[in-house]
PDB file of all heavy atoms in Angstrom:
ATOM      1  N   PHE A   1     108.230  -1.391  12.823  1.00  0.00           N
ATOM      2  CA  PHE A   1     108.919  -2.581  13.314  1.00  0.00           C
ATOM      3  C   PHE A   1     108.884  -2.692  14.834  1.00  0.00           C
ATOM      4  O   PHE A   1     109.310  -3.700  15.392  1.00  0.00           O
ATOM      5  CB  PHE A   1     110.362  -2.599  12.816  1.00  0.00           C
ATOM      6  CG  PHE A   1     110.470  -2.603  11.307  1.00  0.00           C
ATOM      7  CD1 PHE A   1     111.133  -1.579  10.638  1.00  0.00           C
ATOM      8  CD2 PHE A   1     109.900  -3.614  10.562  1.00  0.00           C
ATOM      9  CE1 PHE A   1     111.226  -1.568   9.254  1.00  0.00           C
ATOM     10  CE2 PHE A   1     109.981  -3.619   9.179  1.00  0.00           C
ATOM     11  CZ  PHE A   1     110.655  -2.598   8.525  1.00  0.00           C
ATOM     12  N   GLN A   2     108.454  -1.661  15.494  1.00  0.00           N
ATOM     13  CA  GLN A   2     108.218  -1.635  16.933  1.00  0.00           C
ATOM     14  C   GLN A   2     109.372  -2.205  17.731  1.00  0.00           C
ATOM     15  O   GLN A   2     110.474  -1.694  17.697  1.00  0.00           O
ATOM     16  CB  GLN A   2     106.892  -2.331  17.239  1.00  0.00           C
ATOM     17  CG  GLN A   2     105.695  -1.631  16.606  1.00  0.00           C
ATOM     18  CD  GLN A   2     104.379  -2.243  16.988  1.00  0.00           C
ATOM     19  OE1 GLN A   2     104.271  -2.969  17.963  1.00  0.00           O
ATOM     20  NE2 GLN A   2     103.347  -1.946  16.212  1.00  0.00           N
ATOM     21  N   SER A   3     109.144  -3.313  18.446  1.00  0.00           N
ATOM     22  CA  SER A   3     110.152  -3.787  19.398  1.00  0.00           C
ATOM     23  C   SER A   3     111.292  -4.559  18.758  1.00  0.00           C
ATOM     24  O   SER A   3     112.299  -4.826  19.403  1.00  0.00           O
ATOM     25  CB  SER A   3     109.482  -4.664  20.464  1.00  0.00           C
ATOM     26  OG  SER A   3     108.823  -5.759  19.860  1.00  0.00           O
ATOM     27  N   GLN A   4     111.164  -4.940  17.476  1.00  0.00           N
ATOM     28  CA  GLN A   4     112.236  -5.698  16.817  1.00  0.00           C
ATOM     29  C   GLN A   4     113.146  -4.768  16.030  1.00  0.00           C
ATOM     30  O   GLN A   4     113.404  -4.973  14.846  1.00  0.00           O
ATOM     31  CB  GLN A   4     111.655  -6.773  15.894  1.00  0.00           C
ATOM     32  CG  GLN A   4     111.184  -8.009  16.602  1.00  0.00           C
ATOM     33  CD  GLN A   4     109.760  -7.890  17.103  1.00  0.00           C
ATOM     34  OE1 GLN A   4     108.999  -7.110  16.594  1.00  0.00           O
ATOM     35  NE2 GLN A   4     109.419  -8.664  18.116  1.00  0.00           N
ATOM     36  N   ILE A   5     113.672  -3.749  16.689  1.00  0.00           N
ATOM     37  CA  ILE A   5     114.481  -2.744  15.996  1.00  0.00           C
ATOM     38  C   ILE A   5     115.387  -2.072  17.019  1.00  0.00           C
ATOM     39  O   ILE A   5     115.033  -1.938  18.188  1.00  0.00           O
ATOM     40  CB  ILE A   5     113.572  -1.698  15.291  1.00  0.00           C
ATOM     41  CG1 ILE A   5     114.323  -0.932  14.203  1.00  0.00           C
ATOM     42  CG2 ILE A   5     112.915  -0.770  16.278  1.00  0.00           C
ATOM     43  CD1 ILE A   5     114.403  -1.655  12.895  1.00  0.00           C
ATOM     44  N   GLN A   6     116.583  -1.675  16.591  1.00  0.00           N
ATOM     45  CA  GLN A   6     117.469  -0.938  17.489  1.00  0.00           C
ATOM     46  C   GLN A   6     116.959   0.483  17.715  1.00  0.00           C
ATOM     47  O   GLN A   6     116.963   0.983  18.829  1.00  0.00           O
ATOM     48  CB  GLN A   6     118.878  -0.862  16.888  1.00  0.00           C
ATOM     49  CG  GLN A   6     119.628  -2.180  16.874  1.00  0.00           C
ATOM     50  CD  GLN A   6     120.097  -2.594  18.237  1.00  0.00           C
ATOM     51  OE1 GLN A   6     119.361  -3.264  18.952  1.00  0.00           O
ATOM     52  NE2 GLN A   6     121.300  -2.227  18.614  1.00  0.00           N
ATOM     53  N   ASN A   7     116.529   1.115  16.613  1.00  0.00           N
ATOM     54  CA  ASN A   7     115.990   2.475  16.715  1.00  0.00           C
ATOM     55  C   ASN A   7     115.244   2.809  15.434  1.00  0.00           C
ATOM     56  O   ASN A   7     115.522   2.245  14.375  1.00  0.00           O
ATOM     57  CB  ASN A   7     117.099   3.506  16.947  1.00  0.00           C
ATOM     58  CG  ASN A   7     116.598   4.713  17.724  1.00  0.00           C
ATOM     59  OD1 ASN A   7     115.410   4.995  17.742  1.00  0.00           O
ATOM     60  ND2 ASN A   7     117.512   5.415  18.369  1.00  0.00           N
ATOM     61  N   SER A   8     114.286   3.716  15.539  1.00  0.00           N
ATOM     62  CA  SER A   8     113.511   4.177  14.389  1.00  0.00           C
ATOM     63  C   SER A   8     113.558   5.695  14.324  1.00  0.00           C
ATOM     64  O   SER A   8     113.493   6.372  15.353  1.00  0.00           O
ATOM     65  CB  SER A   8     112.050   3.718  14.496  1.00  0.00           C
ATOM     66  OG  SER A   8     111.940   2.320  14.431  1.00  0.00           O
ATOM     67  N   PHE A   9     113.677   6.213  13.105  1.00  0.00           N
ATOM     68  CA  PHE A   9     113.690   7.658  12.873  1.00  0.00           C
ATOM     69  C   PHE A   9     112.630   7.986  11.828  1.00  0.00           C
ATOM     70  O   PHE A   9     112.427   7.222  10.878  1.00  0.00           O
ATOM     71  CB  PHE A   9     115.057   8.115  12.361  1.00  0.00           C
ATOM     72  CG  PHE A   9     116.199   7.824  13.289  1.00  0.00           C
ATOM     73  CD1 PHE A   9     116.860   6.598  13.251  1.00  0.00           C
ATOM     74  CD2 PHE A   9     116.628   8.776  14.203  1.00  0.00           C
ATOM     75  CE1 PHE A   9     117.915   6.320  14.094  1.00  0.00           C
ATOM     76  CE2 PHE A   9     117.681   8.504  15.053  1.00  0.00           C
ATOM     77  CZ  PHE A   9     118.342   7.287  15.006  1.00  0.00           C
ATOM     78  N   ASN A  10     111.951   9.114  12.007  1.00  0.00           N
ATOM     79  CA  ASN A  10     111.003   9.590  11.004  1.00  0.00           C
ATOM     80  C   ASN A  10     111.481  10.934  10.485  1.00  0.00           C
ATOM     81  O   ASN A  10     111.511  11.919  11.212  1.00  0.00           O
ATOM     82  CB  ASN A  10     109.593   9.720  11.586  1.00  0.00           C
ATOM     83  CG  ASN A  10     108.565  10.005  10.513  1.00  0.00           C
ATOM     84  OD1 ASN A  10     108.601   9.430   9.425  1.00  0.00           O
ATOM     85  ND2 ASN A  10     107.631  10.899  10.805  1.00  0.00           N
ATOM     86  N   CYS A  11     111.894  10.952   9.226  1.00  0.00           N
ATOM     87  CA  CYS A  11     112.482  12.155   8.629  1.00  0.00           C
ATOM     88  C   CYS A  11     111.360  13.026   8.052  1.00  0.00           C
ATOM     89  O   CYS A  11     111.182  13.133   6.842  1.00  0.00           O
ATOM     90  CB  CYS A  11     113.473  11.750   7.551  1.00  0.00           C
ATOM     91  SG  CYS A  11     114.536  13.077   6.988  1.00  0.00           S
ATOM     92  N   ASP A  12     110.594  13.655   8.946  1.00  0.00           N
ATOM     93  CA  ASP A  12     109.425  14.433   8.530  1.00  0.00           C
ATOM     94  C   ASP A  12     109.709  15.921   8.378  1.00  0.00           C
ATOM     95  O   ASP A  12     108.782  16.731   8.294  1.00  0.00           O
ATOM     96  CB  ASP A  12     108.282  14.233   9.526  1.00  0.00           C
ATOM     97  CG  ASP A  12     108.680  14.569  10.954  1.00  0.00           C
ATOM     98  OD1 ASP A  12     109.859  14.914  11.174  1.00  0.00           O
ATOM     99  OD2 ASP A  12     107.811  14.471  11.846  1.00  0.00           O
ATOM    100  N   PHE A  13     110.981  16.280   8.303  1.00  0.00           N
ATOM    101  CA  PHE A  13     111.347  17.700   8.231  1.00  0.00           C
ATOM    102  C   PHE A  13     112.074  18.044   6.928  1.00  0.00           C
ATOM    103  O   PHE A  13     112.692  19.104   6.815  1.00  0.00           O
ATOM    104  CB  PHE A  13     112.236  18.073   9.425  1.00  0.00           C
ATOM    105  CG  PHE A  13     113.394  17.131   9.634  1.00  0.00           C
ATOM    106  CD1 PHE A  13     114.545  17.216   8.858  1.00  0.00           C
ATOM    107  CD2 PHE A  13     113.324  16.145  10.589  1.00  0.00           C
ATOM    108  CE1 PHE A  13     115.592  16.341   9.031  1.00  0.00           C
ATOM    109  CE2 PHE A  13     114.376  15.261  10.788  1.00  0.00           C
ATOM    110  CZ  PHE A  13     115.511  15.362  10.001  1.00  0.00           C
ATOM    111  N   LEU A  14     112.029  17.148   5.948  1.00  0.00           N
ATOM    112  CA  LEU A  14     112.789  17.376   4.718  1.00  0.00           C
ATOM    113  C   LEU A  14     112.400  18.671   4.008  1.00  0.00           C
ATOM    114  O   LEU A  14     113.213  19.269   3.316  1.00  0.00           O
ATOM    115  CB  LEU A  14     112.595  16.201   3.756  1.00  0.00           C
ATOM    116  CG  LEU A  14     113.363  14.915   4.039  1.00  0.00           C
ATOM    117  CD1 LEU A  14     113.118  13.915   2.927  1.00  0.00           C
ATOM    118  CD2 LEU A  14     114.856  15.170   4.188  1.00  0.00           C
ATOM    119  N   TYR A  15     111.158  19.094   4.170  1.00  0.00           N
ATOM    120  CA  TYR A  15     110.680  20.258   3.420  1.00  0.00           C
ATOM    121  C   TYR A  15     110.888  21.556   4.179  1.00  0.00           C
ATOM    122  O   TYR A  15     110.476  22.611   3.710  1.00  0.00           O
ATOM    123  CB  TYR A  15     109.210  20.043   3.040  1.00  0.00           C
ATOM    124  CG  TYR A  15     109.062  18.901   2.055  1.00  0.00           C
ATOM    125  CD1 TYR A  15     108.957  17.589   2.499  1.00  0.00           C
ATOM    126  CD2 TYR A  15     109.111  19.126   0.683  1.00  0.00           C
ATOM    127  CE1 TYR A  15     108.876  16.527   1.612  1.00  0.00           C
ATOM    128  CE2 TYR A  15     109.032  18.077  -0.221  1.00  0.00           C
ATOM    129  CZ  TYR A  15     108.919  16.781   0.254  1.00  0.00           C
ATOM    130  OH  TYR A  15     108.852  15.745  -0.638  1.00  0.00           O
ATOM    131  N   ASP A  16     111.534  21.485   5.347  1.00  0.00           N
ATOM    132  CA  ASP A  16     111.921  22.712   6.049  1.00  0.00           C
ATOM    133  C   ASP A  16     113.102  23.345   5.330  1.00  0.00           C
ATOM    134  O   ASP A  16     114.008  22.643   4.863  1.00  0.00           O
ATOM    135  CB  ASP A  16     112.296  22.406   7.500  1.00  0.00           C
ATOM    136  CG  ASP A  16     111.129  21.846   8.303  1.00  0.00           C
ATOM    137  OD1 ASP A  16     109.992  21.920   7.793  1.00  0.00           O
ATOM    138  OD2 ASP A  16     111.354  21.325   9.401  1.00  0.00           O
ATOM    139  N   GLN A  17     113.127  24.644   5.268  1.00  0.00           N
ATOM    140  CA  GLN A  17     114.125  25.355   4.468  1.00  0.00           C
ATOM    141  C   GLN A  17     115.555  25.107   4.944  1.00  0.00           C
ATOM    142  O   GLN A  17     116.463  24.924   4.144  1.00  0.00           O
ATOM    143  CB  GLN A  17     113.828  26.864   4.496  1.00  0.00           C
ATOM    144  CG  GLN A  17     114.762  27.715   3.657  1.00  0.00           C
ATOM    145  CD  GLN A  17     114.555  27.509   2.159  1.00  0.00           C
ATOM    146  OE1 GLN A  17     113.467  27.091   1.741  1.00  0.00           O
ATOM    147  NE2 GLN A  17     115.573  27.789   1.355  1.00  0.00           N
ATOM    148  N   ASP A  18     115.761  25.088   6.245  1.00  0.00           N
ATOM    149  CA  ASP A  18     117.126  24.996   6.776  1.00  0.00           C
ATOM    150  C   ASP A  18     117.291  23.777   7.685  1.00  0.00           C
ATOM    151  O   ASP A  18     117.697  23.892   8.837  1.00  0.00           O
ATOM    152  CB  ASP A  18     117.474  26.271   7.547  1.00  0.00           C
ATOM    153  CG  ASP A  18     117.462  27.492   6.663  1.00  0.00           C
ATOM    154  OD1 ASP A  18     118.055  27.431   5.573  1.00  0.00           O
ATOM    155  OD2 ASP A  18     116.853  28.506   7.047  1.00  0.00           O
ATOM    156  N   ALA A  19     116.984  22.605   7.155  1.00  0.00           N
ATOM    157  CA  ALA A  19     117.019  21.392   7.967  1.00  0.00           C
ATOM    158  C   ALA A  19     118.159  20.459   7.587  1.00  0.00           C
ATOM    159  O   ALA A  19     118.209  19.321   8.042  1.00  0.00           O
ATOM    160  CB  ALA A  19     115.683  20.656   7.852  1.00  0.00           C
ATOM    161  N   ALA A  20     119.086  20.919   6.755  1.00  0.00           N
ATOM    162  CA  ALA A  20     120.158  20.040   6.282  1.00  0.00           C
ATOM    163  C   ALA A  20     121.013  19.523   7.432  1.00  0.00           C
ATOM    164  O   ALA A  20     121.379  18.341   7.473  1.00  0.00           O
ATOM    165  CB  ALA A  20     121.014  20.765   5.255  1.00  0.00           C
ATOM    166  N   SER A  21     121.345  20.398   8.372  1.00  0.00           N
ATOM    167  CA  SER A  21     122.179  19.989   9.496  1.00  0.00           C
ATOM    168  C   SER A  21     121.479  18.923  10.329  1.00  0.00           C
ATOM    169  O   SER A  21     122.091  17.947  10.774  1.00  0.00           O
ATOM    170  CB  SER A  21     122.527  21.200  10.361  1.00  0.00           C
ATOM    171  OG  SER A  21     123.330  20.830  11.461  1.00  0.00           O
ATOM    172  N   MET A  22     120.168  19.097  10.536  1.00  0.00           N
ATOM    173  CA  MET A  22     119.385  18.122  11.292  1.00  0.00           C
ATOM    174  C   MET A  22     119.346  16.781  10.563  1.00  0.00           C
ATOM    175  O   MET A  22     119.462  15.715  11.183  1.00  0.00           O
ATOM    176  CB  MET A  22     117.961  18.657  11.495  1.00  0.00           C
ATOM    177  CG  MET A  22     117.105  17.834  12.440  1.00  0.00           C
ATOM    178  SD  MET A  22     115.380  18.427  12.505  1.00  0.00           S
ATOM    179  CE  MET A  22     115.642  20.162  12.883  1.00  0.00           C
ATOM    180  N   ALA A  23     119.192  16.829   9.232  1.00  0.00           N
ATOM    181  CA  ALA A  23     119.144  15.598   8.441  1.00  0.00           C
ATOM    182  C   ALA A  23     120.481  14.865   8.487  1.00  0.00           C
ATOM    183  O   ALA A  23     120.529  13.637   8.618  1.00  0.00           O
ATOM    184  CB  ALA A  23     118.764  15.932   6.999  1.00  0.00           C
ATOM    185  N   TYR A  24     121.572  15.625   8.376  1.00  0.00           N
ATOM    186  CA  TYR A  24     122.911  15.033   8.421  1.00  0.00           C
ATOM    187  C   TYR A  24     123.136  14.323   9.758  1.00  0.00           C
ATOM    188  O   TYR A  24     123.638  13.198   9.811  1.00  0.00           O
ATOM    189  CB  TYR A  24     123.950  16.129   8.223  1.00  0.00           C
ATOM    190  CG  TYR A  24     125.378  15.646   8.147  1.00  0.00           C
ATOM    191  CD1 TYR A  24     125.976  15.407   6.911  1.00  0.00           C
ATOM    192  CD2 TYR A  24     126.129  15.448   9.289  1.00  0.00           C
ATOM    193  CE1 TYR A  24     127.298  14.976   6.828  1.00  0.00           C
ATOM    194  CE2 TYR A  24     127.452  15.014   9.226  1.00  0.00           C
ATOM    195  CZ  TYR A  24     128.027  14.786   7.995  1.00  0.00           C
ATOM    196  OH  TYR A  24     129.333  14.356   7.920  1.00  0.00           O
ATOM    197  N   GLU A  25     122.729  14.977  10.837  1.00  0.00           N
ATOM    198  CA  GLU A  25     122.919  14.404  12.167  1.00  0.00           C
ATOM    199  C   GLU A  25     122.061  13.151  12.343  1.00  0.00           C
ATOM    200  O   GLU A  25     122.488  12.187  12.982  1.00  0.00           O
ATOM    201  CB  GLU A  25     122.575  15.437  13.234  1.00  0.00           C
ATOM    202  CG  GLU A  25     122.938  14.997  14.637  1.00  0.00           C
ATOM    203  CD  GLU A  25     122.806  16.113  15.650  1.00  0.00           C
ATOM    204  OE1 GLU A  25     122.585  17.270  15.239  1.00  0.00           O
ATOM    205  OE2 GLU A  25     122.925  15.824  16.848  1.00  0.00           O
ATOM    206  N   MET A  26     120.834  13.159  11.777  1.00  0.00           N
ATOM    207  CA  MET A  26     119.993  11.970  11.851  1.00  0.00           C
ATOM    208  C   MET A  26     120.676  10.795  11.159  1.00  0.00           C
ATOM    209  O   MET A  26     120.676   9.668  11.667  1.00  0.00           O
ATOM    210  CB  MET A  26     118.625  12.215  11.207  1.00  0.00           C
ATOM    211  CG  MET A  26     117.747  10.971  11.175  1.00  0.00           C
ATOM    212  SD  MET A  26     116.141  11.224  10.377  1.00  0.00           S
ATOM    213  CE  MET A  26     115.282  12.124  11.661  1.00  0.00           C
ATOM    214  N   GLY A  27     121.273  11.037   9.992  1.00  0.00           N
ATOM    215  CA  GLY A  27     121.970   9.975   9.273  1.00  0.00           C
ATOM    216  C   GLY A  27     123.123   9.406  10.057  1.00  0.00           C
ATOM    217  O   GLY A  27     123.284   8.181  10.162  1.00  0.00           O
ATOM    218  N   SER A  28     123.934  10.266  10.631  1.00  0.00           N
ATOM    219  CA  SER A  28     125.085   9.787  11.402  1.00  0.00           C
ATOM    220  C   SER A  28     124.638   9.060  12.663  1.00  0.00           C
ATOM    221  O   SER A  28     125.227   8.036  13.042  1.00  0.00           O
ATOM    222  CB  SER A  28     126.021  10.957  11.746  1.00  0.00           C
ATOM    223  OG  SER A  28     125.370  11.913  12.559  1.00  0.00           O
ATOM    224  N   ASN A  29     123.579   9.555  13.309  1.00  0.00           N
ATOM    225  CA  ASN A  29     123.074   8.886  14.514  1.00  0.00           C
ATOM    226  C   ASN A  29     122.473   7.523  14.200  1.00  0.00           C
ATOM    227  O   ASN A  29     122.539   6.600  15.013  1.00  0.00           O
ATOM    228  CB  ASN A  29     122.019   9.758  15.202  1.00  0.00           C
ATOM    229  CG  ASN A  29     122.627  10.942  15.927  1.00  0.00           C
ATOM    230  OD1 ASN A  29     123.805  10.934  16.272  1.00  0.00           O
ATOM    231  ND2 ASN A  29     121.840  11.975  16.161  1.00  0.00           N
ATOM    232  N   ALA A  30     121.872   7.399  13.001  1.00  0.00           N
ATOM    233  CA  ALA A  30     121.285   6.120  12.618  1.00  0.00           C
ATOM    234  C   ALA A  30     122.345   5.039  12.536  1.00  0.00           C
ATOM    235  O   ALA A  30     122.144   3.909  13.006  1.00  0.00           O
ATOM    236  CB  ALA A  30     120.559   6.259  11.284  1.00  0.00           C
ATOM    237  N   ILE A  31     123.492   5.360  11.960  1.00  0.00           N
ATOM    238  CA  ILE A  31     124.569   4.374  11.850  1.00  0.00           C
ATOM    239  C   ILE A  31     125.155   4.066  13.223  1.00  0.00           C
ATOM    240  O   ILE A  31     125.504   2.919  13.522  1.00  0.00           O
ATOM    241  CB  ILE A  31     125.669   4.867  10.894  1.00  0.00           C
ATOM    242  CG1 ILE A  31     125.106   5.066   9.491  1.00  0.00           C
ATOM    243  CG2 ILE A  31     126.827   3.884  10.865  1.00  0.00           C
ATOM    244  CD1 ILE A  31     124.664   3.804   8.804  1.00  0.00           C
ATOM    245  N   VAL A  32     125.261   5.068  14.077  1.00  0.00           N
ATOM    246  CA  VAL A  32     125.770   4.846  15.428  1.00  0.00           C
ATOM    247  C   VAL A  32     124.863   3.874  16.171  1.00  0.00           C
ATOM    248  O   VAL A  32     125.321   2.943  16.842  1.00  0.00           O
ATOM    249  CB  VAL A  32     125.887   6.176  16.198  1.00  0.00           C
ATOM    250  CG1 VAL A  32     126.168   5.917  17.671  1.00  0.00           C
ATOM    251  CG2 VAL A  32     127.001   7.032  15.603  1.00  0.00           C
ATOM    252  N   ASN A  33     123.536   4.070  16.057  1.00  0.00           N
ATOM    253  CA  ASN A  33     122.584   3.148  16.681  1.00  0.00           C
ATOM    254  C   ASN A  33     122.671   1.767  16.062  1.00  0.00           C
ATOM    255  O   ASN A  33     122.495   0.753  16.730  1.00  0.00           O
ATOM    256  CB  ASN A  33     121.158   3.682  16.535  1.00  0.00           C
ATOM    257  CG  ASN A  33     120.816   4.749  17.564  1.00  0.00           C
ATOM    258  OD1 ASN A  33     120.238   4.461  18.603  1.00  0.00           O
ATOM    259  ND2 ASN A  33     121.190   5.982  17.279  1.00  0.00           N
ATOM    260  N   ASN A  34     122.920   1.746  14.753  1.00  0.00           N
ATOM    261  CA  ASN A  34     122.988   0.511  13.982  1.00  0.00           C
ATOM    262  C   ASN A  34     124.156  -0.366  14.398  1.00  0.00           C
ATOM    263  O   ASN A  34     124.071  -1.587  14.384  1.00  0.00           O
ATOM    264  CB  ASN A  34     123.100   0.892  12.504  1.00  0.00           C
ATOM    265  CG  ASN A  34     122.843  -0.267  11.575  1.00  0.00           C
ATOM    266  OD1 ASN A  34     123.686  -0.580  10.765  1.00  0.00           O
ATOM    267  ND2 ASN A  34     121.690  -0.883  11.679  1.00  0.00           N
ATOM    268  N   SER A  35     125.262   0.265  14.783  1.00  0.00           N
ATOM    269  CA  SER A  35     126.487  -0.471  15.114  1.00  0.00           C
ATOM    270  C   SER A  35     126.938  -0.163  16.537  1.00  0.00           C
ATOM    271  O   SER A  35     128.104   0.076  16.787  1.00  0.00           O
ATOM    272  CB  SER A  35     127.598  -0.105  14.118  1.00  0.00           C
ATOM    273  OG  SER A  35     127.792   1.293  14.084  1.00  0.00           O
ATOM    274  N   ALA A  36     125.972  -0.151  17.446  1.00  0.00           N
ATOM    275  CA  ALA A  36     126.272   0.093  18.850  1.00  0.00           C
ATOM    276  C   ALA A  36     126.949  -1.141  19.442  1.00  0.00           C
ATOM    277  O   ALA A  36     127.393  -2.029  18.725  1.00  0.00           O
ATOM    278  CB  ALA A  36     124.989   0.440  19.606  1.00  0.00           C
ATOM    279  N   ILE A  37     127.021  -1.198  20.772  1.00  0.00           N
ATOM    280  CA  ILE A  37     127.660  -2.343  21.424  1.00  0.00           C
ATOM    281  C   ILE A  37     127.026  -3.642  20.953  1.00  0.00           C
ATOM    282  O   ILE A  37     127.698  -4.635  20.691  1.00  0.00           O
ATOM    283  CB  ILE A  37     127.543  -2.196  22.957  1.00  0.00           C
ATOM    284  CG1 ILE A  37     128.326  -0.966  23.426  1.00  0.00           C
ATOM    285  CG2 ILE A  37     128.066  -3.448  23.650  1.00  0.00           C
ATOM    286  CD1 ILE A  37     128.181  -0.672  24.893  1.00  0.00           C
ATOM    287  N   VAL A  38     125.704  -3.625  20.823  1.00  0.00           N
ATOM    288  CA  VAL A  38     124.979  -4.746  20.228  1.00  0.00           C
ATOM    289  C   VAL A  38     124.440  -4.282  18.882  1.00  0.00           C
ATOM    290  O   VAL A  38     123.626  -3.363  18.806  1.00  0.00           O
ATOM    291  CB  VAL A  38     123.816  -5.204  21.137  1.00  0.00           C
ATOM    292  CG1 VAL A  38     123.027  -6.316  20.462  1.00  0.00           C
ATOM    293  CG2 VAL A  38     124.349  -5.675  22.488  1.00  0.00           C
ATOM    294  N   ASN A  39     124.917  -4.886  17.794  1.00  0.00           N
ATOM    295  CA  ASN A  39     124.462  -4.502  16.461  1.00  0.00           C
ATOM    296  C   ASN A  39     123.001  -4.882  16.264  1.00  0.00           C
ATOM    297  O   ASN A  39     122.461  -5.731  16.961  1.00  0.00           O
ATOM    298  CB  ASN A  39     125.305  -5.195  15.387  1.00  0.00           C
ATOM    299  CG  ASN A  39     126.737  -4.700  15.361  1.00  0.00           C
ATOM    300  OD1 ASN A  39     127.042  -3.622  15.842  1.00  0.00           O
ATOM    301  ND2 ASN A  39     127.627  -5.499  14.799  1.00  0.00           N
ATOM    302  N   GLY A  40     122.382  -4.261  15.252  1.00  0.00           N
ATOM    303  CA  GLY A  40     121.001  -4.599  14.950  1.00  0.00           C
ATOM    304  C   GLY A  40     120.430  -3.678  13.894  1.00  0.00           C
ATOM    305  O   GLY A  40     121.105  -2.771  13.407  1.00  0.00           O
ATOM    306  N   PRO A  41     119.166  -3.893  13.513  1.00  0.00           N
ATOM    307  CA  PRO A  41     118.551  -3.100  12.446  1.00  0.00           C
ATOM    308  C   PRO A  41     118.097  -1.728  12.919  1.00  0.00           C
ATOM    309  O   PRO A  41     117.725  -1.540  14.078  1.00  0.00           O
ATOM    310  CB  PRO A  41     117.341  -3.958  12.034  1.00  0.00           C
ATOM    311  CG  PRO A  41     116.974  -4.684  13.295  1.00  0.00           C
ATOM    312  CD  PRO A  41     118.273  -4.952  14.007  1.00  0.00           C
ATOM    313  N   VAL A  42     118.128  -0.773  11.996  1.00  0.00           N
ATOM    314  CA  VAL A  42     117.636   0.587  12.231  1.00  0.00           C
ATOM    315  C   VAL A  42     116.762   0.977  11.039  1.00  0.00           C
ATOM    316  O   VAL A  42     117.056   0.626   9.900  1.00  0.00           O
ATOM    317  CB  VAL A  42     118.803   1.589  12.413  1.00  0.00           C
ATOM    318  CG1 VAL A  42     118.303   3.037  12.352  1.00  0.00           C
ATOM    319  CG2 VAL A  42     119.509   1.348  13.739  1.00  0.00           C
ATOM    320  N   HIS A  43     115.694   1.707  11.307  1.00  0.00           N
ATOM    321  CA  HIS A  43     114.748   2.119  10.265  1.00  0.00           C
ATOM    322  C   HIS A  43     114.683   3.641  10.189  1.00  0.00           C
ATOM    323  O   HIS A  43     114.507   4.311  11.208  1.00  0.00           O
ATOM    324  CB  HIS A  43     113.359   1.554  10.574  1.00  0.00           C
ATOM    325  CG  HIS A  43     112.297   1.969   9.616  1.00  0.00           C
ATOM    326  ND1 HIS A  43     110.978   2.155   9.983  1.00  0.00           N
ATOM    327  CD2 HIS A  43     112.355   2.247   8.284  1.00  0.00           C
ATOM    328  CE1 HIS A  43     110.267   2.507   8.939  1.00  0.00           C
ATOM    329  NE2 HIS A  43     111.085   2.575   7.895  1.00  0.00           N
ATOM    330  N   ILE A  44     114.843   4.178   8.984  1.00  0.00           N
ATOM    331  CA  ILE A  44     114.599   5.609   8.737  1.00  0.00           C
ATOM    332  C   ILE A  44     113.435   5.713   7.768  1.00  0.00           C
ATOM    333  O   ILE A  44     113.525   5.261   6.622  1.00  0.00           O
ATOM    334  CB  ILE A  44     115.832   6.330   8.151  1.00  0.00           C
ATOM    335  CG1 ILE A  44     117.045   6.174   9.071  1.00  0.00           C
ATOM    336  CG2 ILE A  44     115.521   7.808   7.935  1.00  0.00           C
ATOM    337  CD1 ILE A  44     118.301   6.865   8.545  1.00  0.00           C
TER     338      ILE A  44
END
């Protein structure tokens, strides 16, 4: 989506053995970006 997006995340670490904490933080950060001062779309 390039420039028409608030932020983009690529969850390419799902198959790492101990990446749950990183995945959880990505999810929470996605919503924070999604509902920042100016709302808008976010892509994971």
